[in-house]
Amino acid sequence: MKPLWTKLGTVLGIAAGGLDMWLNTLRISPFTLRHGKPDHAALLPSAQAKPINYPRPDGSVTYDRLSSVFLSGTLHEEDQPPHLQVRDLSLQKSSEHDVFGGPSGLYCPAAVYEWVGEGAGLRYQINAANCVHCKTCDIKDPNQNINWVPPEGGGGPNYRGM
């Protein structure tokens, strides 16, 4: 529905979106609107973006990311091959960090990616055990430099209690 809101405005977009959803349930929708570009191409360099100050989690309505990962029941075998693969670490530093400001630390809902250290000691750390298999990194990485593959052994979130 978001492409409809963008093209038609809020009121007409909601009306057109409702019509589109209803026609899709009948399997007779005559059109499909798409965003103009993929998610990774829509990311702005950090110099052009306004920083967002997120409020700290309050523990009753909002929670920190690692507590939420714990609640997902995520479990990965310790000796399995990595399922999150960075194709070129130098590109990750020169572009993802230096140009875009390290968005992987923000768009990943499970705190899998983080930049650790400063200056010459700066390194990209992947906490693959936290991964909840949302594939956001594969979709949103500005250089398409992160490859998400299914982990061996069927590890990952256990959503039975939800």
N, C-alpha and C. Protein backbone atom coordinates (compact mmCIF):
# COMPACT_ATOMS: atom_id res chain seq x y z
N MET A 1 0.81 -1.20 0.00
CA MET A 1 0.00 0.00 0.00
C MET A 1 0.85 1.26 0.00
N LYS A 2 2.08 1.18 0.47
CA LYS A 2 2.91 2.38 0.54
C LYS A 2 3.12 3.04 -0.82
N PRO A 3 3.32 2.30 -1.91
CA PRO A 3 3.44 2.99 -3.20
C PRO A 3 2.18 3.78 -3.55
N LEU A 4 1.01 3.28 -3.15
CA LEU A 4 -0.22 4.01 -3.42
C LEU A 4 -0.27 5.30 -2.60
N TRP A 5 0.16 5.26 -1.34
CA TRP A 5 0.18 6.47 -0.51
C TRP A 5 1.14 7.49 -1.11
N THR A 6 2.30 7.01 -1.56
CA THR A 6 3.30 7.92 -2.12
C THR A 6 2.78 8.59 -3.39
N LYS A 7 2.12 7.83 -4.23
CA LYS A 7 1.67 8.37 -5.51
C LYS A 7 0.37 9.17 -5.41
N LEU A 8 -0.54 8.76 -4.50
CA LEU A 8 -1.87 9.36 -4.46
C LEU A 8 -2.16 10.20 -3.22
N GLY A 9 -1.28 10.20 -2.23
CA GLY A 9 -1.55 10.89 -0.99
C GLY A 9 -2.23 9.96 0.00
N THR A 10 -2.39 10.41 1.23
CA THR A 10 -2.89 9.54 2.29
C THR A 10 -4.33 9.09 2.07
N VAL A 11 -5.25 10.01 1.86
CA VAL A 11 -6.67 9.65 1.77
C VAL A 11 -6.95 8.80 0.54
N LEU A 12 -6.55 9.27 -0.64
CA LEU A 12 -6.77 8.49 -1.85
C LEU A 12 -5.95 7.21 -1.84
N GLY A 13 -4.76 7.26 -1.25
CA GLY A 13 -3.92 6.07 -1.17
C GLY A 13 -4.53 4.96 -0.34
N ILE A 14 -5.15 5.34 0.80
CA ILE A 14 -5.81 4.35 1.65
C ILE A 14 -7.02 3.76 0.93
N ALA A 15 -7.79 4.61 0.27
CA ALA A 15 -8.95 4.11 -0.48
C ALA A 15 -8.52 3.18 -1.60
N ALA A 16 -7.52 3.59 -2.37
CA ALA A 16 -7.03 2.74 -3.46
C ALA A 16 -6.41 1.45 -2.93
N GLY A 17 -5.72 1.54 -1.77
CA GLY A 17 -5.14 0.35 -1.17
C GLY A 17 -6.20 -0.63 -0.72
N GLY A 18 -7.28 -0.12 -0.12
CA GLY A 18 -8.38 -1.01 0.28
C GLY A 18 -9.01 -1.68 -0.93
N LEU A 19 -9.24 -0.93 -1.99
CA LEU A 19 -9.78 -1.50 -3.23
C LEU A 19 -8.83 -2.55 -3.79
N ASP A 20 -7.54 -2.24 -3.79
CA ASP A 20 -6.54 -3.19 -4.32
C ASP A 20 -6.52 -4.48 -3.51
N MET A 21 -6.57 -4.36 -2.17
CA MET A 21 -6.57 -5.58 -1.34
C MET A 21 -7.84 -6.40 -1.57
N TRP A 22 -8.97 -5.74 -1.70
CA TRP A 22 -10.22 -6.45 -1.94
C TRP A 22 -10.18 -7.16 -3.30
N LEU A 23 -9.70 -6.47 -4.33
CA LEU A 23 -9.60 -7.08 -5.66
C LEU A 23 -8.60 -8.23 -5.67
N ASN A 24 -7.53 -8.11 -4.87
CA ASN A 24 -6.55 -9.20 -4.79
C ASN A 24 -7.15 -10.44 -4.14
N THR A 25 -8.05 -10.26 -3.16
CA THR A 25 -8.69 -11.43 -2.55
C THR A 25 -9.60 -12.14 -3.55
N LEU A 26 -10.16 -11.37 -4.48
CA LEU A 26 -11.00 -11.95 -5.53
C LEU A 26 -10.16 -12.44 -6.72
N ARG A 27 -8.86 -12.18 -6.67
CA ARG A 27 -7.91 -12.55 -7.72
C ARG A 27 -8.21 -11.87 -9.05
N ILE A 28 -8.68 -10.62 -8.99
CA ILE A 28 -8.97 -9.89 -10.23
C ILE A 28 -8.33 -8.51 -10.24
N SER A 29 -7.26 -8.32 -9.48
CA SER A 29 -6.63 -7.01 -9.42
C SER A 29 -6.02 -6.66 -10.77
N PRO A 30 -6.40 -5.52 -11.35
CA PRO A 30 -5.92 -5.17 -12.70
C PRO A 30 -4.55 -4.51 -12.72
N PHE A 31 -3.97 -4.20 -11.56
CA PHE A 31 -2.70 -3.46 -11.56
C PHE A 31 -1.86 -3.83 -10.35
N THR A 32 -0.59 -3.52 -10.46
CA THR A 32 0.34 -3.66 -9.34
C THR A 32 1.25 -2.45 -9.36
N LEU A 33 1.28 -1.72 -8.28
CA LEU A 33 2.20 -0.60 -8.15
C LEU A 33 3.42 -1.06 -7.37
N ARG A 34 4.56 -0.58 -7.77
CA ARG A 34 5.80 -0.93 -7.10
C ARG A 34 6.54 0.34 -6.73
N HIS A 35 7.45 0.20 -5.77
CA HIS A 35 8.34 1.31 -5.45
C HIS A 35 9.24 1.54 -6.65
N GLY A 36 9.76 2.73 -6.82
CA GLY A 36 10.59 3.05 -7.97
C GLY A 36 11.94 2.38 -7.98
N LYS A 37 12.44 1.96 -6.81
CA LYS A 37 13.75 1.34 -6.73
C LYS A 37 13.79 0.37 -5.56
N PRO A 38 14.74 -0.55 -5.55
CA PRO A 38 14.83 -1.50 -4.44
C PRO A 38 15.26 -0.80 -3.15
N ASP A 39 15.03 -1.46 -2.01
CA ASP A 39 15.34 -0.88 -0.70
C ASP A 39 16.79 -0.43 -0.58
N HIS A 40 17.73 -1.25 -1.03
CA HIS A 40 19.13 -0.89 -0.86
C HIS A 40 19.51 0.36 -1.66
N ALA A 41 18.80 0.64 -2.73
CA ALA A 41 19.10 1.83 -3.54
C ALA A 41 18.44 3.09 -2.96
N ALA A 42 17.52 2.93 -2.03
CA ALA A 42 16.83 4.07 -1.43
C ALA A 42 17.56 4.64 -0.22
N LEU A 43 18.62 3.98 0.24
CA LEU A 43 19.35 4.43 1.41
C LEU A 43 20.18 5.67 1.09
N LEU A 44 20.07 6.69 1.90
CA LEU A 44 20.82 7.93 1.70
C LEU A 44 22.18 7.86 2.40
N PRO A 45 23.20 8.50 1.84
CA PRO A 45 24.47 8.61 2.58
C PRO A 45 24.24 9.35 3.89
N SER A 46 25.02 9.05 4.90
CA SER A 46 24.80 9.63 6.23
C SER A 46 24.92 11.14 6.23
N ALA A 47 25.69 11.72 5.31
CA ALA A 47 25.84 13.17 5.26
C ALA A 47 24.53 13.85 4.84
N GLN A 48 23.65 13.13 4.14
CA GLN A 48 22.38 13.69 3.68
C GLN A 48 21.22 13.35 4.60
N ALA A 49 21.44 12.47 5.58
CA ALA A 49 20.35 12.01 6.44
C ALA A 49 20.37 12.73 7.78
N LYS A 50 19.19 12.91 8.33
CA LYS A 50 19.04 13.52 9.64
C LYS A 50 19.12 12.41 10.70
N PRO A 51 19.99 12.54 11.71
CA PRO A 51 20.09 11.49 12.74
C PRO A 51 18.77 11.35 13.51
N ILE A 52 18.46 10.13 13.88
CA ILE A 52 17.24 9.85 14.64
C ILE A 52 17.66 9.47 16.06
N ASN A 53 17.09 10.12 17.04
CA ASN A 53 17.33 9.77 18.43
C ASN A 53 16.18 8.91 18.93
N TYR A 54 16.45 7.62 19.06
CA TYR A 54 15.43 6.70 19.55
C TYR A 54 15.39 6.74 21.07
N PRO A 55 14.21 6.75 21.68
CA PRO A 55 14.15 6.72 23.15
C PRO A 55 14.63 5.36 23.67
N ARG A 56 15.16 5.37 24.87
CA ARG A 56 15.63 4.12 25.47
C ARG A 56 14.43 3.22 25.78
N PRO A 57 14.59 1.90 25.66
CA PRO A 57 13.49 0.99 25.98
C PRO A 57 13.07 1.14 27.44
N ASP A 58 11.75 1.09 27.67
CA ASP A 58 11.25 1.29 29.02
C ASP A 58 11.03 -0.02 29.79
N GLY A 59 11.10 -1.17 29.11
CA GLY A 59 10.97 -2.45 29.79
C GLY A 59 9.54 -2.90 30.03
N SER A 60 8.55 -2.08 29.67
CA SER A 60 7.16 -2.50 29.82
C SER A 60 6.43 -2.48 28.47
N VAL A 61 6.69 -1.48 27.66
CA VAL A 61 6.07 -1.41 26.33
C VAL A 61 7.12 -1.66 25.25
N THR A 62 8.29 -1.08 25.43
CA THR A 62 9.38 -1.29 24.49
C THR A 62 10.53 -2.00 25.20
N TYR A 63 11.24 -2.85 24.46
CA TYR A 63 12.31 -3.67 25.04
C TYR A 63 13.57 -3.52 24.22
N ASP A 64 14.72 -3.81 24.85
CA ASP A 64 15.96 -3.75 24.11
C ASP A 64 16.05 -4.94 23.16
N ARG A 65 16.89 -4.83 22.17
CA ARG A 65 16.95 -5.84 21.11
C ARG A 65 17.39 -7.20 21.61
N LEU A 66 18.37 -7.25 22.49
CA LEU A 66 18.86 -8.55 22.93
C LEU A 66 17.83 -9.29 23.78
N SER A 67 17.01 -8.59 24.54
CA SER A 67 15.93 -9.25 25.29
C SER A 67 14.92 -9.84 24.31
N SER A 68 14.65 -9.12 23.24
CA SER A 68 13.71 -9.62 22.23
C SER A 68 14.28 -10.83 21.50
N VAL A 69 15.58 -10.84 21.24
CA VAL A 69 16.21 -12.02 20.62
C VAL A 69 16.07 -13.21 21.55
N PHE A 70 16.27 -13.01 22.84
CA PHE A 70 16.11 -14.09 23.82
C PHE A 70 14.68 -14.65 23.77
N LEU A 71 13.69 -13.77 23.71
CA LEU A 71 12.30 -14.22 23.67
C LEU A 71 11.96 -14.97 22.39
N SER A 72 12.70 -14.72 21.30
CA SER A 72 12.44 -15.43 20.05
C SER A 72 12.90 -16.88 20.11
N GLY A 73 13.68 -17.24 21.13
CA GLY A 73 14.15 -18.62 21.25
C GLY A 73 15.20 -18.98 20.22
N THR A 74 15.94 -18.01 19.73
CA THR A 74 16.94 -18.25 18.69
C THR A 74 18.02 -19.19 19.20
N LEU A 75 18.31 -20.20 18.40
CA LEU A 75 19.33 -21.18 18.74
C LEU A 75 20.07 -21.59 17.48
N HIS A 76 21.38 -21.47 17.48
CA HIS A 76 22.22 -21.90 16.37
C HIS A 76 23.26 -22.87 16.92
N GLU A 77 23.60 -23.87 16.13
CA GLU A 77 24.68 -24.79 16.50
C GLU A 77 25.99 -24.02 16.50
N GLU A 78 26.86 -24.32 17.45
CA GLU A 78 28.11 -23.56 17.56
C GLU A 78 29.12 -23.90 16.48
N ASP A 79 29.07 -25.11 15.93
CA ASP A 79 30.08 -25.51 14.96
C ASP A 79 29.58 -25.45 13.51
N GLN A 80 28.46 -24.82 13.27
CA GLN A 80 27.95 -24.74 11.90
C GLN A 80 28.70 -23.65 11.12
N PRO A 81 28.79 -23.81 9.80
CA PRO A 81 29.42 -22.76 8.99
C PRO A 81 28.61 -21.47 9.08
N PRO A 82 29.26 -20.32 8.93
CA PRO A 82 28.52 -19.05 9.03
C PRO A 82 27.44 -18.92 7.95
N HIS A 83 26.26 -18.48 8.35
CA HIS A 83 25.19 -18.30 7.37
C HIS A 83 25.06 -16.84 6.95
N LEU A 84 25.84 -15.96 7.55
CA LEU A 84 25.89 -14.55 7.16
C LEU A 84 27.27 -14.29 6.58
N GLN A 85 27.32 -14.05 5.29
CA GLN A 85 28.60 -13.94 4.60
C GLN A 85 28.78 -12.52 4.04
N VAL A 86 29.88 -11.88 4.44
CA VAL A 86 30.24 -10.58 3.88
C VAL A 86 31.22 -10.85 2.75
N ARG A 87 30.84 -10.46 1.55
CA ARG A 87 31.66 -10.76 0.37
C ARG A 87 33.00 -10.03 0.38
N ASP A 88 33.00 -8.74 0.76
CA ASP A 88 34.22 -7.92 0.71
C ASP A 88 34.24 -7.01 1.94
N LEU A 89 35.08 -7.35 2.92
CA LEU A 89 35.14 -6.56 4.15
C LEU A 89 35.66 -5.14 3.92
N SER A 90 36.55 -4.96 2.94
CA SER A 90 37.06 -3.61 2.68
C SER A 90 35.96 -2.72 2.11
N LEU A 91 35.08 -3.28 1.29
CA LEU A 91 33.94 -2.52 0.77
C LEU A 91 32.98 -2.17 1.90
N GLN A 92 32.82 -3.07 2.84
CA GLN A 92 31.95 -2.82 3.98
C GLN A 92 32.45 -1.62 4.77
N LYS A 93 33.75 -1.53 4.95
CA LYS A 93 34.34 -0.40 5.69
C LYS A 93 34.26 0.89 4.87
N SER A 94 34.69 0.83 3.61
CA SER A 94 34.78 2.06 2.81
C SER A 94 33.42 2.63 2.42
N SER A 95 32.42 1.78 2.28
CA SER A 95 31.11 2.28 1.85
C SER A 95 30.07 2.21 2.95
N GLU A 96 29.79 1.02 3.46
CA GLU A 96 28.72 0.85 4.46
C GLU A 96 29.00 1.69 5.69
N HIS A 97 30.24 1.73 6.15
CA HIS A 97 30.57 2.52 7.34
C HIS A 97 30.88 3.97 7.00
N ASP A 98 31.83 4.19 6.09
CA ASP A 98 32.32 5.55 5.84
C ASP A 98 31.32 6.43 5.10
N VAL A 99 30.57 5.88 4.15
CA VAL A 99 29.62 6.68 3.38
C VAL A 99 28.24 6.69 4.02
N PHE A 100 27.74 5.51 4.40
CA PHE A 100 26.37 5.40 4.90
C PHE A 100 26.26 5.42 6.42
N GLY A 101 27.37 5.46 7.14
CA GLY A 101 27.33 5.58 8.59
C GLY A 101 27.01 4.29 9.33
N GLY A 102 27.25 3.14 8.72
CA GLY A 102 27.03 1.86 9.38
C GLY A 102 25.58 1.52 9.66
N PRO A 103 24.69 1.56 8.64
CA PRO A 103 23.27 1.31 8.90
C PRO A 103 22.95 -0.12 9.32
N SER A 104 23.84 -1.07 9.07
CA SER A 104 23.53 -2.45 9.44
C SER A 104 23.32 -2.59 10.94
N GLY A 105 23.97 -1.76 11.72
CA GLY A 105 23.76 -1.78 13.17
C GLY A 105 22.40 -1.24 13.57
N LEU A 106 21.74 -0.53 12.65
CA LEU A 106 20.43 0.04 12.93
C LEU A 106 19.29 -0.77 12.31
N TYR A 107 19.45 -1.24 11.07
CA TYR A 107 18.32 -1.93 10.44
C TYR A 107 18.17 -3.37 10.88
N CYS A 108 19.21 -3.96 11.44
CA CYS A 108 19.10 -5.34 11.90
C CYS A 108 18.32 -5.36 13.23
N PRO A 109 17.20 -6.06 13.29
CA PRO A 109 16.39 -6.06 14.51
C PRO A 109 16.98 -6.88 15.66
N ALA A 110 18.07 -7.61 15.40
CA ALA A 110 18.61 -8.51 16.42
C ALA A 110 20.03 -8.16 16.85
N ALA A 111 20.52 -6.99 16.51
CA ALA A 111 21.87 -6.56 16.90
C ALA A 111 22.94 -7.54 16.44
N VAL A 112 22.80 -8.03 15.23
CA VAL A 112 23.78 -8.98 14.68
C VAL A 112 25.04 -8.25 14.24
N TYR A 113 24.90 -7.07 13.64
CA TYR A 113 26.04 -6.36 13.08
C TYR A 113 26.41 -5.17 13.95
N GLU A 114 27.72 -5.00 14.18
CA GLU A 114 28.17 -3.82 14.91
C GLU A 114 29.60 -3.49 14.51
N TRP A 115 29.90 -2.20 14.57
CA TRP A 115 31.25 -1.71 14.32
C TRP A 115 31.90 -1.54 15.69
N VAL A 116 33.03 -2.23 15.89
CA VAL A 116 33.70 -2.25 17.19
C VAL A 116 35.06 -1.57 17.05
N GLY A 117 35.40 -0.74 18.02
CA GLY A 117 36.70 -0.07 18.02
C GLY A 117 36.63 1.30 17.37
N GLU A 118 37.80 1.91 17.23
CA GLU A 118 37.90 3.24 16.63
C GLU A 118 39.14 3.33 15.77
N GLY A 119 39.15 4.26 14.85
CA GLY A 119 40.33 4.54 14.02
C GLY A 119 40.82 3.32 13.28
N ALA A 120 42.12 3.04 13.40
CA ALA A 120 42.73 1.92 12.68
C ALA A 120 42.27 0.57 13.23
N GLY A 121 41.79 0.56 14.48
CA GLY A 121 41.33 -0.69 15.10
C GLY A 121 39.87 -1.01 14.85
N LEU A 122 39.21 -0.21 14.01
CA LEU A 122 37.79 -0.42 13.73
C LEU A 122 37.59 -1.73 12.96
N ARG A 123 36.64 -2.55 13.43
CA ARG A 123 36.35 -3.82 12.73
C ARG A 123 34.86 -4.08 12.74
N TYR A 124 34.45 -4.87 11.78
CA TYR A 124 33.04 -5.23 11.59
C TYR A 124 32.81 -6.55 12.30
N GLN A 125 31.96 -6.56 13.30
CA GLN A 125 31.70 -7.78 14.06
C GLN A 125 30.31 -8.30 13.74
N ILE A 126 30.23 -9.61 13.49
CA ILE A 126 28.95 -10.25 13.18
C ILE A 126 28.63 -11.22 14.31
N ASN A 127 27.53 -10.97 15.01
CA ASN A 127 27.06 -11.84 16.09
C ASN A 127 25.99 -12.76 15.51
N ALA A 128 26.41 -13.73 14.71
CA ALA A 128 25.48 -14.57 13.96
C ALA A 128 24.54 -15.38 14.86
N ALA A 129 24.93 -15.63 16.08
CA ALA A 129 24.06 -16.39 16.99
C ALA A 129 22.77 -15.64 17.32
N ASN A 130 22.76 -14.32 17.15
CA ASN A 130 21.55 -13.53 17.41
C ASN A 130 20.58 -13.52 16.25
N CYS A 131 20.99 -13.95 15.08
CA CYS A 131 20.20 -13.79 13.85
C CYS A 131 18.83 -14.45 13.97
N VAL A 132 17.78 -13.67 13.65
CA VAL A 132 16.41 -14.18 13.69
C VAL A 132 15.87 -14.48 12.28
N HIS A 133 16.77 -14.49 11.30
CA HIS A 133 16.47 -14.89 9.93
C HIS A 133 15.43 -14.03 9.24
N CYS A 134 15.50 -12.74 9.46
CA CYS A 134 14.56 -11.83 8.80
C CYS A 134 15.03 -11.45 7.40
N LYS A 135 16.30 -11.65 7.09
CA LYS A 135 16.92 -11.36 5.79
C LYS A 135 17.00 -9.86 5.47
N THR A 136 16.81 -9.01 6.46
CA THR A 136 16.90 -7.58 6.22
C THR A 136 18.28 -7.21 5.70
N CYS A 137 19.33 -7.84 6.22
CA CYS A 137 20.69 -7.52 5.78
C CYS A 137 20.89 -7.83 4.31
N ASP A 138 20.30 -8.89 3.83
CA ASP A 138 20.41 -9.29 2.43
C ASP A 138 19.66 -8.30 1.52
N ILE A 139 18.61 -7.69 2.05
CA ILE A 139 17.77 -6.79 1.27
C ILE A 139 18.26 -5.35 1.37
N LYS A 140 18.65 -4.90 2.55
CA LYS A 140 18.88 -3.48 2.81
C LYS A 140 20.34 -3.04 2.70
N ASP A 141 21.30 -3.94 2.70
CA ASP A 141 22.70 -3.55 2.63
C ASP A 141 22.94 -2.70 1.37
N PRO A 142 23.49 -1.47 1.51
CA PRO A 142 23.58 -0.56 0.38
C PRO A 142 24.40 -1.08 -0.79
N ASN A 143 25.34 -1.99 -0.55
CA ASN A 143 26.18 -2.52 -1.63
C ASN A 143 25.81 -3.94 -2.02
N GLN A 144 24.77 -4.49 -1.39
CA GLN A 144 24.41 -5.89 -1.58
C GLN A 144 25.63 -6.78 -1.34
N ASN A 145 26.37 -6.45 -0.28
CA ASN A 145 27.62 -7.11 0.06
C ASN A 145 27.43 -8.20 1.11
N ILE A 146 26.26 -8.27 1.73
CA ILE A 146 25.99 -9.30 2.74
C ILE A 146 25.09 -10.34 2.09
N ASN A 147 25.49 -11.60 2.20
CA ASN A 147 24.71 -12.70 1.64
C ASN A 147 24.18 -13.56 2.79
N TRP A 148 22.86 -13.64 2.91
CA TRP A 148 22.23 -14.49 3.92
C TRP A 148 21.90 -15.82 3.27
N VAL A 149 22.36 -16.91 3.86
CA VAL A 149 22.03 -18.25 3.37
C VAL A 149 21.40 -19.02 4.53
N PRO A 150 20.53 -19.97 4.25
CA PRO A 150 19.93 -20.75 5.34
C PRO A 150 21.01 -21.49 6.13
N PRO A 151 20.94 -21.47 7.45
CA PRO A 151 21.95 -22.16 8.25
C PRO A 151 21.77 -23.67 8.18
N GLU A 152 22.90 -24.36 8.34
CA GLU A 152 22.84 -25.82 8.40
C GLU A 152 22.17 -26.25 9.70
N GLY A 153 21.45 -27.33 9.67
CA GLY A 153 20.88 -27.90 10.88
C GLY A 153 19.57 -27.30 11.32
N GLY A 154 19.02 -26.36 10.56
CA GLY A 154 17.71 -25.81 10.88
C GLY A 154 17.69 -24.91 12.09
N GLY A 155 18.81 -24.32 12.47
CA GLY A 155 18.84 -23.43 13.62
C GLY A 155 18.12 -22.13 13.32
N GLY A 156 17.90 -21.36 14.37
CA GLY A 156 17.26 -20.06 14.21
C GLY A 156 16.19 -19.86 15.25
N PRO A 157 15.27 -18.95 14.98
CA PRO A 157 14.23 -18.66 15.96
C PRO A 157 13.25 -19.82 16.15
N ASN A 158 12.70 -19.90 17.34
CA ASN A 158 11.71 -20.92 17.67
C ASN A 158 10.45 -20.15 18.07
N TYR A 159 9.54 -19.97 17.13
CA TYR A 159 8.38 -19.11 17.36
C TYR A 159 7.14 -19.86 17.87
N ARG A 160 7.31 -21.02 18.47
CA ARG A 160 6.14 -21.81 18.90
C ARG A 160 5.30 -21.10 19.94
N GLY A 161 5.93 -20.31 20.81
CA GLY A 161 5.19 -19.69 21.89
C GLY A 161 4.49 -18.39 21.51
N MET A 162 4.55 -18.02 20.24
CA MET A 162 3.97 -16.71 19.85
C MET A 162 2.57 -16.88 19.33
